[in-house]
Structures are given as structure tokens and as C-alpha cells.
Amino acid sequence: GSLIVSSSYDGLCRIWDASNGHCMKTLI
């Protein structure tokens, strides 16, 4: 539960710190 991954039609996968909402990584 420490990380969130999201995906979008914009072509990106992003990994977020669930506790503070910071974007930790963008997979491209």
C-alpha cells in the first residue's frame, strides 16, 4: 500500500508515493 501506479491514454505510467502524493517515477 505504499505506492500507487496509474496509466493513461497520454502514454504514461506513473508511480506515486501513496502517503504524500509525490510522483516517484514515470515509465516511458
PDB file of all heavy atoms in Angstrom:
ATOM      1  N   GLY A   1       0.782  -1.233   0.000  1.00  0.00           N
ATOM      2  CA  GLY A   1       0.000   0.000   0.000  1.00  0.00           C
ATOM      3  C   GLY A   1       0.812   1.281   0.000  1.00  0.00           C
ATOM      4  O   GLY A   1       0.258   2.371   0.129  1.00  0.00           O
ATOM      5  N   SER A   2       2.138   1.161  -0.176  1.00  0.00           N
ATOM      6  CA  SER A   2       2.986   2.359  -0.120  1.00  0.00           C
ATOM      7  C   SER A   2       3.039   3.109  -1.456  1.00  0.00           C
ATOM      8  O   SER A   2       3.386   4.285  -1.494  1.00  0.00           O
ATOM      9  CB  SER A   2       4.406   1.986   0.319  1.00  0.00           C
ATOM     10  OG  SER A   2       4.986   1.098  -0.632  1.00  0.00           O
ATOM     11  N   LEU A   3       2.725   2.404  -2.550  1.00  0.00           N
ATOM     12  CA  LEU A   3       2.822   3.005  -3.885  1.00  0.00           C
ATOM     13  C   LEU A   3       1.520   2.845  -4.647  1.00  0.00           C
ATOM     14  O   LEU A   3       0.769   1.883  -4.432  1.00  0.00           O
ATOM     15  CB  LEU A   3       3.931   2.324  -4.698  1.00  0.00           C
ATOM     16  CG  LEU A   3       5.350   2.354  -4.145  1.00  0.00           C
ATOM     17  CD1 LEU A   3       6.267   1.483  -4.998  1.00  0.00           C
ATOM     18  CD2 LEU A   3       5.875   3.781  -4.076  1.00  0.00           C
ATOM     19  N   ILE A   4       1.287   3.787  -5.548  1.00  0.00           N
ATOM     20  CA  ILE A   4       0.162   3.718  -6.476  1.00  0.00           C
ATOM     21  C   ILE A   4       0.739   3.788  -7.880  1.00  0.00           C
ATOM     22  O   ILE A   4       1.646   4.594  -8.139  1.00  0.00           O
ATOM     23  CB  ILE A   4      -0.807   4.906  -6.269  1.00  0.00           C
ATOM     24  CG1 ILE A   4      -1.503   4.807  -4.912  1.00  0.00           C
ATOM     25  CG2 ILE A   4      -1.835   5.002  -7.405  1.00  0.00           C
ATOM     26  CD1 ILE A   4      -2.185   6.104  -4.482  1.00  0.00           C
ATOM     27  N   VAL A   5       0.246   2.957  -8.786  1.00  0.00           N
ATOM     28  CA  VAL A   5       0.615   3.113 -10.196  1.00  0.00           C
ATOM     29  C   VAL A   5      -0.634   3.549 -10.955  1.00  0.00           C
ATOM     30  O   VAL A   5      -1.741   3.092 -10.660  1.00  0.00           O
ATOM     31  CB  VAL A   5       1.227   1.819 -10.793  1.00  0.00           C
ATOM     32  CG1 VAL A   5       0.232   0.670 -10.792  1.00  0.00           C
ATOM     33  CG2 VAL A   5       1.768   2.070 -12.199  1.00  0.00           C
ATOM     34  N   SER A   6      -0.451   4.463 -11.903  1.00  0.00           N
ATOM     35  CA  SER A   6      -1.569   4.916 -12.732  1.00  0.00           C
ATOM     36  C   SER A   6      -1.145   4.863 -14.196  1.00  0.00           C
ATOM     37  O   SER A   6       0.039   4.969 -14.522  1.00  0.00           O
ATOM     38  CB  SER A   6      -1.985   6.346 -12.358  1.00  0.00           C
ATOM     39  OG  SER A   6      -0.944   7.265 -12.632  1.00  0.00           O
ATOM     40  N   SER A   7      -2.146   4.683 -15.076  1.00  0.00           N
ATOM     41  CA  SER A   7      -1.873   4.679 -16.515  1.00  0.00           C
ATOM     42  C   SER A   7      -2.889   5.564 -17.203  1.00  0.00           C
ATOM     43  O   SER A   7      -3.965   5.840 -16.662  1.00  0.00           O
ATOM     44  CB  SER A   7      -1.951   3.260 -17.072  1.00  0.00           C
ATOM     45  OG  SER A   7      -3.243   2.710 -16.864  1.00  0.00           O
ATOM     46  N   SER A   8      -2.529   5.996 -18.427  1.00  0.00           N
ATOM     47  CA  SER A   8      -3.398   6.947 -19.121  1.00  0.00           C
ATOM     48  C   SER A   8      -3.233   6.835 -20.630  1.00  0.00           C
ATOM     49  O   SER A   8      -2.219   6.349 -21.137  1.00  0.00           O
ATOM     50  CB  SER A   8      -3.055   8.372 -18.672  1.00  0.00           C
ATOM     51  OG  SER A   8      -3.657   9.342 -19.505  1.00  0.00           O
ATOM     52  N   TYR A   9      -4.247   7.338 -21.327  1.00  0.00           N
ATOM     53  CA  TYR A   9      -4.164   7.483 -22.777  1.00  0.00           C
ATOM     54  C   TYR A   9      -3.028   8.418 -23.191  1.00  0.00           C
ATOM     55  O   TYR A   9      -2.667   8.461 -24.367  1.00  0.00           O
ATOM     56  CB  TYR A   9      -5.473   8.056 -23.326  1.00  0.00           C
ATOM     57  CG  TYR A   9      -6.632   7.084 -23.345  1.00  0.00           C
ATOM     58  CD1 TYR A   9      -7.887   7.481 -22.894  1.00  0.00           C
ATOM     59  CD2 TYR A   9      -6.490   5.791 -23.839  1.00  0.00           C
ATOM     60  CE1 TYR A   9      -8.973   6.607 -22.934  1.00  0.00           C
ATOM     61  CE2 TYR A   9      -7.572   4.915 -23.871  1.00  0.00           C
ATOM     62  CZ  TYR A   9      -8.806   5.329 -23.420  1.00  0.00           C
ATOM     63  OH  TYR A   9      -9.871   4.466 -23.450  1.00  0.00           O
ATOM     64  N   ASP A  10      -2.470   9.185 -22.236  1.00  0.00           N
ATOM     65  CA  ASP A  10      -1.360  10.079 -22.592  1.00  0.00           C
ATOM     66  C   ASP A  10      -0.058   9.307 -22.841  1.00  0.00           C
ATOM     67  O   ASP A  10       0.966   9.902 -23.174  1.00  0.00           O
ATOM     68  CB  ASP A  10      -1.158  11.176 -21.536  1.00  0.00           C
ATOM     69  CG  ASP A  10      -0.709  10.659 -20.172  1.00  0.00           C
ATOM     70  OD1 ASP A  10      -0.344   9.458 -20.051  1.00  0.00           O
ATOM     71  OD2 ASP A  10      -0.719  11.445 -19.204  1.00  0.00           O
ATOM     72  N   GLY A  11      -0.086   7.973 -22.676  1.00  0.00           N
ATOM     73  CA  GLY A  11       1.077   7.139 -22.964  1.00  0.00           C
ATOM     74  C   GLY A  11       1.995   6.906 -21.780  1.00  0.00           C
ATOM     75  O   GLY A  11       3.022   6.250 -21.919  1.00  0.00           O
ATOM     76  N   LEU A  12       1.619   7.422 -20.608  1.00  0.00           N
ATOM     77  CA  LEU A  12       2.498   7.305 -19.446  1.00  0.00           C
ATOM     78  C   LEU A  12       1.954   6.348 -18.394  1.00  0.00           C
ATOM     79  O   LEU A  12       0.739   6.206 -18.235  1.00  0.00           O
ATOM     80  CB  LEU A  12       2.680   8.676 -18.771  1.00  0.00           C
ATOM     81  CG  LEU A  12       3.193   9.815 -19.654  1.00  0.00           C
ATOM     82  CD1 LEU A  12       3.297  11.093 -18.836  1.00  0.00           C
ATOM     83  CD2 LEU A  12       4.536   9.458 -20.276  1.00  0.00           C
ATOM     84  N   CYS A  13       2.899   5.692 -17.694  1.00  0.00           N
ATOM     85  CA  CYS A  13       2.611   5.028 -16.418  1.00  0.00           C
ATOM     86  C   CYS A  13       3.354   5.820 -15.360  1.00  0.00           C
ATOM     87  O   CYS A  13       4.553   6.082 -15.525  1.00  0.00           O
ATOM     88  CB  CYS A  13       3.158   3.612 -16.381  1.00  0.00           C
ATOM     89  SG  CYS A  13       2.292   2.464 -17.413  1.00  0.00           S
ATOM     90  N   ARG A  14       2.668   6.163 -14.300  1.00  0.00           N
ATOM     91  CA  ARG A  14       3.331   6.933 -13.240  1.00  0.00           C
ATOM     92  C   ARG A  14       3.199   6.199 -11.920  1.00  0.00           C
ATOM     93  O   ARG A  14       2.171   5.590 -11.629  1.00  0.00           O
ATOM     94  CB  ARG A  14       2.689   8.317 -13.114  1.00  0.00           C
ATOM     95  CG  ARG A  14       2.990   9.188 -14.327  1.00  0.00           C
ATOM     96  CD  ARG A  14       2.948  10.662 -13.951  1.00  0.00           C
ATOM     97  NE  ARG A  14       3.896  11.404 -14.756  1.00  0.00           N
ATOM     98  CZ  ARG A  14       3.552  12.447 -15.519  1.00  0.00           C
ATOM     99  NH1 ARG A  14       2.307  12.864 -15.565  1.00  0.00           N
ATOM    100  NH2 ARG A  14       4.479  13.069 -16.209  1.00  0.00           N
ATOM    101  N   ILE A  15       4.264   6.290 -11.119  1.00  0.00           N
ATOM    102  CA  ILE A  15       4.268   5.671  -9.799  1.00  0.00           C
ATOM    103  C   ILE A  15       4.300   6.781  -8.757  1.00  0.00           C
ATOM    104  O   ILE A  15       5.120   7.702  -8.836  1.00  0.00           O
ATOM    105  CB  ILE A  15       5.457   4.716  -9.647  1.00  0.00           C
ATOM    106  CG1 ILE A  15       5.245   3.550 -10.612  1.00  0.00           C
ATOM    107  CG2 ILE A  15       5.542   4.169  -8.230  1.00  0.00           C
ATOM    108  CD1 ILE A  15       6.452   3.100 -11.313  1.00  0.00           C
ATOM    109  N   TRP A  16       3.371   6.679  -7.811  1.00  0.00           N
ATOM    110  CA  TRP A  16       3.152   7.722  -6.807  1.00  0.00           C
ATOM    111  C   TRP A  16       3.420   7.178  -5.418  1.00  0.00           C
ATOM    112  O   TRP A  16       3.103   6.029  -5.125  1.00  0.00           O
ATOM    113  CB  TRP A  16       1.703   8.227  -6.864  1.00  0.00           C
ATOM    114  CG  TRP A  16       1.258   8.597  -8.240  1.00  0.00           C
ATOM    115  CD1 TRP A  16       0.751   7.769  -9.207  1.00  0.00           C
ATOM    116  CD2 TRP A  16       1.299   9.907  -8.826  1.00  0.00           C
ATOM    117  NE1 TRP A  16       0.477   8.476 -10.350  1.00  0.00           N
ATOM    118  CE2 TRP A  16       0.796   9.784 -10.149  1.00  0.00           C
ATOM    119  CE3 TRP A  16       1.704  11.158  -8.368  1.00  0.00           C
ATOM    120  CZ2 TRP A  16       0.687  10.866 -11.013  1.00  0.00           C
ATOM    121  CZ3 TRP A  16       1.589  12.242  -9.224  1.00  0.00           C
ATOM    122  CH2 TRP A  16       1.096  12.098 -10.531  1.00  0.00           C
ATOM    123  N   ASP A  17       3.960   8.040  -4.561  1.00  0.00           N
ATOM    124  CA  ASP A  17       4.069   7.736  -3.138  1.00  0.00           C
ATOM    125  C   ASP A  17       2.678   7.925  -2.534  1.00  0.00           C
ATOM    126  O   ASP A  17       2.138   9.028  -2.555  1.00  0.00           O
ATOM    127  CB  ASP A  17       5.080   8.687  -2.497  1.00  0.00           C
ATOM    128  CG  ASP A  17       5.293   8.389  -1.030  1.00  0.00           C
ATOM    129  OD1 ASP A  17       4.290   8.175  -0.324  1.00  0.00           O
ATOM    130  OD2 ASP A  17       6.447   8.398  -0.581  1.00  0.00           O
ATOM    131  N   ALA A  18       2.096   6.840  -2.021  1.00  0.00           N
ATOM    132  CA  ALA A  18       0.703   6.909  -1.558  1.00  0.00           C
ATOM    133  C   ALA A  18       0.540   7.824  -0.351  1.00  0.00           C
ATOM    134  O   ALA A  18      -0.530   8.382  -0.137  1.00  0.00           O
ATOM    135  CB  ALA A  18       0.193   5.507  -1.231  1.00  0.00           C
ATOM    136  N   SER A  19       1.616   7.990   0.434  1.00  0.00           N
ATOM    137  CA  SER A  19       1.464   8.789   1.665  1.00  0.00           C
ATOM    138  C   SER A  19       1.490  10.294   1.390  1.00  0.00           C
ATOM    139  O   SER A  19       0.741  11.046   2.001  1.00  0.00           O
ATOM    140  CB  SER A  19       2.540   8.417   2.688  1.00  0.00           C
ATOM    141  OG  SER A  19       3.824   8.668   2.141  1.00  0.00           O
ATOM    142  N   ASN A  20       2.318  10.736   0.444  1.00  0.00           N
ATOM    143  CA  ASN A  20       2.399  12.185   0.218  1.00  0.00           C
ATOM    144  C   ASN A  20       1.938  12.623  -1.173  1.00  0.00           C
ATOM    145  O   ASN A  20       1.880  13.817  -1.468  1.00  0.00           O
ATOM    146  CB  ASN A  20       3.823  12.703   0.500  1.00  0.00           C
ATOM    147  CG  ASN A  20       4.854  12.055  -0.415  1.00  0.00           C
ATOM    148  OD1 ASN A  20       4.531  11.612  -1.516  1.00  0.00           O
ATOM    149  ND2 ASN A  20       6.095  12.004   0.044  1.00  0.00           N
ATOM    150  N   GLY A  21       1.648  11.655  -2.039  1.00  0.00           N
ATOM    151  CA  GLY A  21       1.138  12.009  -3.364  1.00  0.00           C
ATOM    152  C   GLY A  21       2.196  12.474  -4.350  1.00  0.00           C
ATOM    153  O   GLY A  21       1.863  12.951  -5.431  1.00  0.00           O
ATOM    154  N   HIS A  22       3.486  12.329  -3.993  1.00  0.00           N
ATOM    155  CA  HIS A  22       4.548  12.735  -4.923  1.00  0.00           C
ATOM    156  C   HIS A  22       4.712  11.707  -6.034  1.00  0.00           C
ATOM    157  O   HIS A  22       4.635  10.507  -5.785  1.00  0.00           O
ATOM    158  CB  HIS A  22       5.883  12.901  -4.182  1.00  0.00           C
ATOM    159  CG  HIS A  22       5.897  14.074  -3.264  1.00  0.00           C
ATOM    160  ND1 HIS A  22       6.839  14.240  -2.268  1.00  0.00           N
ATOM    161  CD2 HIS A  22       5.065  15.150  -3.179  1.00  0.00           C
ATOM    162  CE1 HIS A  22       6.590  15.365  -1.610  1.00  0.00           C
ATOM    163  NE2 HIS A  22       5.525  15.921  -2.143  1.00  0.00           N
ATOM    164  N   CYS A  23       5.007  12.193  -7.232  1.00  0.00           N
ATOM    165  CA  CYS A  23       5.307  11.291  -8.341  1.00  0.00           C
ATOM    166  C   CYS A  23       6.751  10.831  -8.204  1.00  0.00           C
ATOM    167  O   CYS A  23       7.676  11.644  -8.208  1.00  0.00           O
ATOM    168  CB  CYS A  23       5.103  11.985  -9.688  1.00  0.00           C
ATOM    169  SG  CYS A  23       5.438  10.900 -11.080  1.00  0.00           S
ATOM    170  N   MET A  24       6.955   9.535  -8.062  1.00  0.00           N
ATOM    171  CA  MET A  24       8.300   8.998  -7.851  1.00  0.00           C
ATOM    172  C   MET A  24       8.956   8.585  -9.151  1.00  0.00           C
ATOM    173  O   MET A  24      10.169   8.576  -9.267  1.00  0.00           O
ATOM    174  CB  MET A  24       8.230   7.800  -6.915  1.00  0.00           C
ATOM    175  CG  MET A  24       7.749   8.190  -5.529  1.00  0.00           C
ATOM    176  SD  MET A  24       7.535   6.749  -4.515  1.00  0.00           S
ATOM    177  CE  MET A  24       9.220   6.198  -4.376  1.00  0.00           C
ATOM    178  N   LYS A  25       8.158   8.202 -10.131  1.00  0.00           N
ATOM    179  CA  LYS A  25       8.730   7.683 -11.368  1.00  0.00           C
ATOM    180  C   LYS A  25       7.707   7.768 -12.486  1.00  0.00           C
ATOM    181  O   LYS A  25       6.512   7.612 -12.243  1.00  0.00           O
ATOM    182  CB  LYS A  25       9.147   6.229 -11.158  1.00  0.00           C
ATOM    183  CG  LYS A  25      10.050   5.684 -12.224  1.00  0.00           C
ATOM    184  CD  LYS A  25      10.798   4.451 -11.746  1.00  0.00           C
ATOM    185  CE  LYS A  25      11.961   4.826 -10.832  1.00  0.00           C
ATOM    186  NZ  LYS A  25      12.746   3.651 -10.444  1.00  0.00           N
ATOM    187  N   THR A  26       8.207   8.017 -13.679  1.00  0.00           N
ATOM    188  CA  THR A  26       7.370   7.933 -14.873  1.00  0.00           C
ATOM    189  C   THR A  26       8.012   6.926 -15.811  1.00  0.00           C
ATOM    190  O   THR A  26       9.183   7.057 -16.143  1.00  0.00           O
ATOM    191  CB  THR A  26       7.260   9.313 -15.567  1.00  0.00           C
ATOM    192  OG1 THR A  26       6.669  10.238 -14.655  1.00  0.00           O
ATOM    193  CG2 THR A  26       6.384   9.228 -16.807  1.00  0.00           C
ATOM    194  N   LEU A  27       7.247   5.909 -16.180  1.00  0.00           N
ATOM    195  CA  LEU A  27       7.759   4.895 -17.109  1.00  0.00           C
ATOM    196  C   LEU A  27       7.366   5.310 -18.514  1.00  0.00           C
ATOM    197  O   LEU A  27       6.200   5.573 -18.795  1.00  0.00           O
ATOM    198  CB  LEU A  27       7.143   3.527 -16.820  1.00  0.00           C
ATOM    199  CG  LEU A  27       7.405   2.920 -15.441  1.00  0.00           C
ATOM    200  CD1 LEU A  27       6.757   1.545 -15.355  1.00  0.00           C
ATOM    201  CD2 LEU A  27       8.892   2.815 -15.153  1.00  0.00           C
ATOM    202  N   ILE A  28       8.358   5.394 -19.374  1.00  0.00           N
ATOM    203  CA  ILE A  28       8.065   5.793 -20.748  1.00  0.00           C
ATOM    204  C   ILE A  28       8.924   4.976 -21.695  1.00  0.00           C
ATOM    205  O   ILE A  28      10.084   4.705 -21.421  1.00  0.00           O
ATOM    206  CB  ILE A  28       8.280   7.314 -20.933  1.00  0.00           C
ATOM    207  CG1 ILE A  28       7.790   7.745 -22.304  1.00  0.00           C
ATOM    208  CG2 ILE A  28       9.718   7.717 -20.697  1.00  0.00           C
ATOM    209  CD1 ILE A  28       7.393   9.196 -22.356  1.00  0.00           C
TER     210      ILE A  28
END
